[in-house]
């Protein structure tokens, strides 16, 4: 595979719906910048007191590094980028590949189902290692790594569902850092075998949240499946909260409070 023509497919995530998530973050609370490299498009928000210009170049260089490592690995293991099944990676695989494989092996889906969440968290953790940051958001196609010091209400973007952006989850600052990831079968270009308008999963591990959003999103084929699939999320103790929306039906489970968004 020629690295110059390499294309990262979009798995999980909500495709163009990420704009709805970016617009939720207050410009007063977060100073933001973008990182764009090949198909990767990150939105990064930092509290104004912690922000510095050097963060932009550091985040960009980290994205370039992660993508380069993945592209090189895919030359020796192309199945990693294609399979919808859990995949064992080579012992010398780079960290980004191992993070994705571990998350998706746990979730029972293919490695690329965790790519957006893995990138979000690894870029976020890298910034936190290099700078003292009070609050940080790294959003990648609707998959979010989040570090906050006060509670944050996040509404759920669900495409054409009448419930879209009307239901919110109040994320407790004491539980961060964590990952908030959304998969959809009806929104955007991402690969999903299900029919949900939104499957939001919150875990401490962002790559795992991304993978599990795909797992449970795949299980919903119609609104009648929502409650049963929501109950099935109890099988994973790593899930802090889950929200599943299919048309006018919603299932919610977990430790974070649901609120109506006005």
Protein backbone atom coordinates (compact mmCIF):
# COMPACT_ATOMS: atom_id res chain seq x y z
CA UNK A 1 0.00 0.00 0.00
CA UNK A 2 1.37 3.42 -0.96
CA UNK A 3 1.30 5.62 2.11
CA UNK A 4 0.77 8.71 -0.05
CA UNK A 5 -2.59 7.35 -1.19
CA UNK A 6 -3.60 5.83 2.15
CA UNK A 7 -7.18 6.48 3.26
CA UNK A 8 -8.50 5.91 6.76
CA UNK A 9 -12.08 4.64 6.51
CA UNK A 10 -14.63 6.11 8.87
CA UNK A 11 -15.97 3.65 11.41
CA UNK A 12 -18.24 4.60 14.30
CA UNK A 13 -18.74 8.31 14.80
CA UNK A 14 -21.52 10.49 13.45
CA UNK A 15 -19.86 11.84 10.35
CA UNK A 16 -20.92 15.42 9.62
CA UNK A 17 -22.93 15.48 12.85
CA UNK A 18 -19.73 16.34 14.70
CA UNK A 19 -20.53 20.02 14.06
CA UNK A 20 -23.44 19.70 16.48
CA UNK A 21 -21.03 18.58 19.20
CA UNK A 22 -18.48 21.30 18.46
CA UNK A 23 -21.16 23.96 18.67
CA UNK A 24 -22.11 22.83 22.20
CA UNK A 25 -18.85 23.96 23.75
CA UNK A 26 -19.02 27.54 24.98
CA UNK A 27 -16.54 29.98 23.44
CA UNK A 28 -16.25 31.57 26.88
CA UNK A 29 -15.35 28.26 28.50
CA UNK A 30 -13.08 26.90 25.75
CA UNK A 31 -10.62 28.53 23.38
CA UNK A 32 -10.55 26.30 20.33
CA UNK A 33 -8.41 25.40 17.34
CA UNK A 34 -8.51 22.77 14.63
CA UNK A 35 -6.02 20.14 13.55
CA UNK A 36 -6.44 18.92 9.98
CA UNK A 37 -4.16 16.33 8.40
CA UNK A 38 -5.26 14.08 5.54
CA UNK A 39 -8.69 12.71 6.61
CA UNK A 40 -8.16 13.56 10.30
CA UNK A 41 -10.14 16.59 11.49
CA UNK A 42 -9.85 17.39 15.20
CA UNK A 43 -11.51 20.18 17.14
CA UNK A 44 -9.61 20.97 20.33
CA UNK A 45 -10.91 23.21 23.10
CA UNK A 46 -8.81 24.40 26.04
CA UNK A 47 -9.81 26.64 28.92
CA UNK A 48 -8.53 30.18 28.18
CA UNK A 49 -6.29 30.33 31.25
CA UNK A 50 -4.40 27.20 30.17
CA UNK A 51 -4.25 27.89 26.43
CA UNK A 52 -1.00 28.68 24.64
CA UNK A 53 -0.15 28.85 20.94
CA UNK A 54 2.42 26.04 21.19
CA UNK A 55 -0.44 23.58 21.73
CA UNK A 56 -1.44 23.87 18.07
CA UNK A 57 1.87 22.63 16.67
CA UNK A 58 2.21 19.94 19.33
CA UNK A 59 -1.26 18.56 18.57
CA UNK A 60 -0.61 18.64 14.82
CA UNK A 61 2.72 16.83 15.16
CA UNK A 62 1.10 14.16 17.33
CA UNK A 63 -1.61 13.55 14.71
CA UNK A 64 1.04 13.27 11.99
CA UNK A 65 2.97 10.79 14.13
CA UNK A 66 -0.07 8.62 14.90
CA UNK A 67 -1.22 8.51 11.29
CA UNK A 68 2.27 7.75 10.02
CA UNK A 69 2.62 4.89 12.48
CA UNK A 70 -0.73 3.46 11.49
CA UNK A 71 -0.08 3.78 7.77
CA UNK A 72 3.26 2.02 8.11
CA UNK A 73 1.72 -0.77 10.19
CA UNK A 74 -1.06 -1.32 7.64
CA UNK A 75 1.53 -2.08 4.98
CA UNK A 76 2.48 -5.24 6.88
CA UNK A 77 -1.00 -6.03 8.23
CA UNK A 78 -3.64 -4.72 5.77
CA UNK A 79 -6.38 -6.85 7.36
CA UNK A 80 -6.21 -4.52 10.38
CA UNK A 81 -7.81 -1.75 8.34
CA UNK A 82 -10.47 -3.87 6.64
CA UNK A 83 -11.89 -6.49 8.98
CA UNK A 84 -15.12 -6.04 10.92
CA UNK A 85 -13.99 -8.72 13.38
CA UNK A 86 -11.57 -8.54 16.35
CA UNK A 87 -8.00 -8.82 15.14
CA UNK A 88 -4.76 -9.86 16.81
CA UNK A 89 -1.98 -7.43 15.99
CA UNK A 90 1.73 -8.02 15.64
CA UNK A 91 3.84 -7.85 18.84
CA UNK A 92 5.85 -4.91 17.51
CA UNK A 93 2.77 -2.88 16.54
CA UNK A 94 2.83 0.82 17.51
CA UNK A 95 0.89 2.01 20.53
CA UNK A 96 -2.00 3.48 18.51
CA UNK A 97 -2.57 0.10 16.86
CA UNK A 98 -2.41 -1.76 20.17
CA UNK A 99 -4.84 0.67 21.81
CA UNK A 100 -7.36 0.19 19.00
CA UNK A 101 -6.96 -3.58 18.98
CA UNK A 102 -7.37 -3.91 22.73
CA UNK A 103 -10.55 -1.80 22.73
CA UNK A 104 -12.17 -3.52 19.76
CA UNK A 105 -11.22 -7.01 20.89
CA UNK A 106 -13.07 -6.25 24.11
CA UNK A 107 -16.04 -4.86 22.18
CA UNK A 108 -16.14 -7.63 19.57
CA UNK A 109 -15.75 -5.42 16.49
CA UNK A 110 -13.07 -4.60 13.93
CA UNK A 111 -10.07 -2.39 14.88
CA UNK A 112 -11.11 0.67 12.86
CA UNK A 113 -14.20 1.03 15.06
CA UNK A 114 -11.91 2.63 17.66
CA UNK A 115 -9.76 4.84 15.44
CA UNK A 116 -11.47 8.17 16.17
CA UNK A 117 -11.67 7.63 19.92
CA UNK A 118 -8.08 6.41 20.09
CA UNK A 119 -6.82 9.49 18.24
CA UNK A 120 -8.85 11.82 20.49
CA UNK A 121 -7.51 10.36 23.71
CA UNK A 122 -3.90 9.96 22.61
CA UNK A 123 -3.73 13.55 21.38
CA UNK A 124 -5.47 14.75 24.55
CA UNK A 125 -3.17 12.81 26.87
CA UNK A 126 -0.14 14.09 24.96
CA UNK A 127 -1.25 17.69 25.47
CA UNK A 128 -1.89 17.06 29.16
CA UNK A 129 1.60 15.60 29.57
CA UNK A 130 3.23 18.66 28.03
CA UNK A 131 1.07 21.45 29.48
CA UNK A 132 -0.84 22.18 32.67
CA UNK A 133 -4.43 22.16 31.42
CA UNK A 134 -7.50 22.69 33.57
CA UNK A 135 -10.11 21.75 30.95
CA UNK A 136 -9.65 20.03 27.61
CA UNK A 137 -11.89 18.73 24.82
CA UNK A 138 -10.57 16.77 21.85
CA UNK A 139 -13.36 15.99 19.38
CA UNK A 140 -12.89 13.75 16.36
CA UNK A 141 -16.00 13.08 14.26
CA UNK A 142 -18.29 13.08 17.29
CA UNK A 143 -15.92 11.00 19.45
CA UNK A 144 -14.68 13.06 22.36
CA UNK A 145 -11.91 12.92 24.96
CA UNK A 146 -12.97 15.16 27.82
CA UNK A 147 -11.23 16.59 30.88
CA UNK A 148 -13.32 19.06 32.87
CA UNK A 149 -13.24 20.67 36.31
CA UNK A 150 -16.96 21.51 36.46
CA UNK A 151 -20.00 19.65 35.23
CA UNK A 152 -20.90 19.75 31.55
CA UNK A 153 -24.29 19.11 29.93
CA UNK A 154 -23.92 17.40 26.56
CA UNK A 155 -26.91 16.99 24.28
CA UNK A 156 -27.17 13.96 21.99
CA UNK A 157 -27.13 14.63 18.26
CA UNK A 158 -29.44 12.10 16.57
CA UNK A 159 -29.92 13.29 13.01
CA UNK A 160 -33.57 13.44 11.93
CA UNK A 161 -34.93 11.88 15.13
CA UNK A 162 -37.42 14.17 16.91
CA UNK A 163 -35.29 13.63 20.03
CA UNK A 164 -32.11 15.01 18.44
CA UNK A 165 -30.39 17.59 20.68
CA UNK A 166 -33.36 17.58 23.07
CA UNK A 167 -31.89 15.04 25.49
CA UNK A 168 -28.73 15.81 27.44
CA UNK A 169 -26.40 13.93 29.77
CA UNK A 170 -24.83 15.88 32.62
CA UNK A 171 -21.25 14.71 32.85
CA UNK A 172 -19.78 14.93 36.33
CA UNK A 173 -16.40 16.65 36.49
CA UNK A 174 -15.27 14.25 39.21
CA UNK A 175 -15.45 11.37 36.72
CA UNK A 176 -13.21 12.94 34.09
CA UNK A 177 -11.05 12.43 32.13
CA UNK A 178 -13.28 10.18 30.07
CA UNK A 179 -14.52 9.44 26.57
CA UNK A 180 -17.92 10.32 25.09
CA UNK A 181 -18.45 8.58 21.75
CA UNK A 182 -21.41 8.41 19.40
CA UNK A 183 -22.15 6.00 16.57
CA UNK A 184 -25.08 6.24 14.15
CA UNK A 185 -26.52 4.08 11.42
CA UNK A 186 -28.57 6.88 9.88
CA UNK A 187 -26.18 9.85 10.15
CA UNK A 188 -23.00 10.46 8.18
CA UNK A 189 -20.73 8.17 6.14
CA UNK A 190 -19.49 5.99 8.99
CA UNK A 191 -19.79 2.21 8.89
CA UNK A 192 -22.61 0.86 11.07
CA UNK A 193 -24.66 -2.30 10.68
CA UNK A 194 -27.50 -0.91 12.79
CA UNK A 195 -30.26 1.64 12.37
CA UNK A 196 -29.84 3.94 15.35
CA UNK A 197 -29.94 7.70 15.04
CA UNK A 198 -27.46 7.82 17.92
CA UNK A 199 -25.70 5.38 20.20
CA UNK A 200 -23.72 7.32 22.79
CA UNK A 201 -21.39 5.45 25.12
CA UNK A 202 -19.36 7.02 27.93
CA UNK A 203 -16.32 5.20 29.34
CA UNK A 204 -13.07 6.22 30.98
CA UNK A 205 -11.28 4.80 27.93
CA UNK A 206 -12.21 6.78 24.81
CA UNK A 207 -11.16 4.07 22.35
CA UNK A 208 -13.34 1.56 24.19
CA UNK A 209 -16.28 3.99 24.25
CA UNK A 210 -15.90 4.37 20.49
CA UNK A 211 -15.78 0.62 19.90
CA UNK A 212 -18.73 -0.11 22.18
CA UNK A 213 -20.82 2.60 20.50
CA UNK A 214 -20.37 0.61 17.30
CA UNK A 215 -21.09 -2.70 19.05
CA UNK A 216 -24.43 -1.63 20.50
CA UNK A 217 -25.38 0.53 17.55
CA UNK A 218 -25.06 -2.54 15.34
CA UNK A 219 -27.63 -4.41 17.42
CA UNK A 220 -30.53 -1.99 16.86
CA UNK A 221 -32.51 -2.59 13.67
CA UNK A 222 -35.75 -0.85 14.67
CA UNK A 223 -37.15 1.23 17.57
CA UNK A 224 -38.48 -1.88 19.32
CA UNK A 225 -34.89 -3.05 19.90
CA UNK A 226 -33.86 0.02 21.89
CA UNK A 227 -34.81 -1.04 25.42
CA UNK A 228 -33.38 -4.53 25.14
CA UNK A 229 -30.09 -3.32 23.67
CA UNK A 230 -29.83 -0.60 26.31
CA UNK A 231 -30.16 -3.28 29.00
CA UNK A 232 -27.43 -5.30 27.30
CA UNK A 233 -24.95 -2.48 27.93
CA UNK A 234 -24.95 -3.65 31.56
CA UNK A 235 -22.68 -6.50 30.43
CA UNK A 236 -19.80 -4.04 30.25
CA UNK A 237 -18.84 -2.62 33.64
CA UNK A 238 -16.60 -0.11 31.86
CA UNK A 239 -19.67 1.76 30.57
CA UNK A 240 -20.48 4.75 32.78
CA UNK A 241 -23.55 5.76 30.77
CA UNK A 242 -25.31 4.76 27.55
CA UNK A 243 -27.91 6.52 25.41
CA UNK A 244 -29.55 4.86 22.40
CA UNK A 245 -31.97 6.70 20.10
CA UNK A 246 -33.88 5.19 17.19
CA UNK A 247 -36.51 7.47 15.71
CA UNK A 248 -38.83 8.40 18.60
CA UNK A 249 -37.55 5.77 21.06
CA UNK A 250 -34.79 6.32 23.59
CA UNK A 251 -33.00 4.10 26.08
CA UNK A 252 -30.81 5.52 28.85
CA UNK A 253 -28.73 3.72 31.44
CA UNK A 254 -25.86 4.62 33.73
CA UNK A 255 -24.67 6.93 36.45
CA UNK A 256 -25.03 10.31 34.73
CA UNK A 257 -28.29 12.24 34.97
CA UNK A 258 -30.46 12.82 31.91
CA UNK A 259 -31.79 16.34 31.38
CA UNK A 260 -34.02 17.96 28.81
CA UNK A 261 -32.19 20.49 26.67
CA UNK A 262 -34.05 23.70 25.86
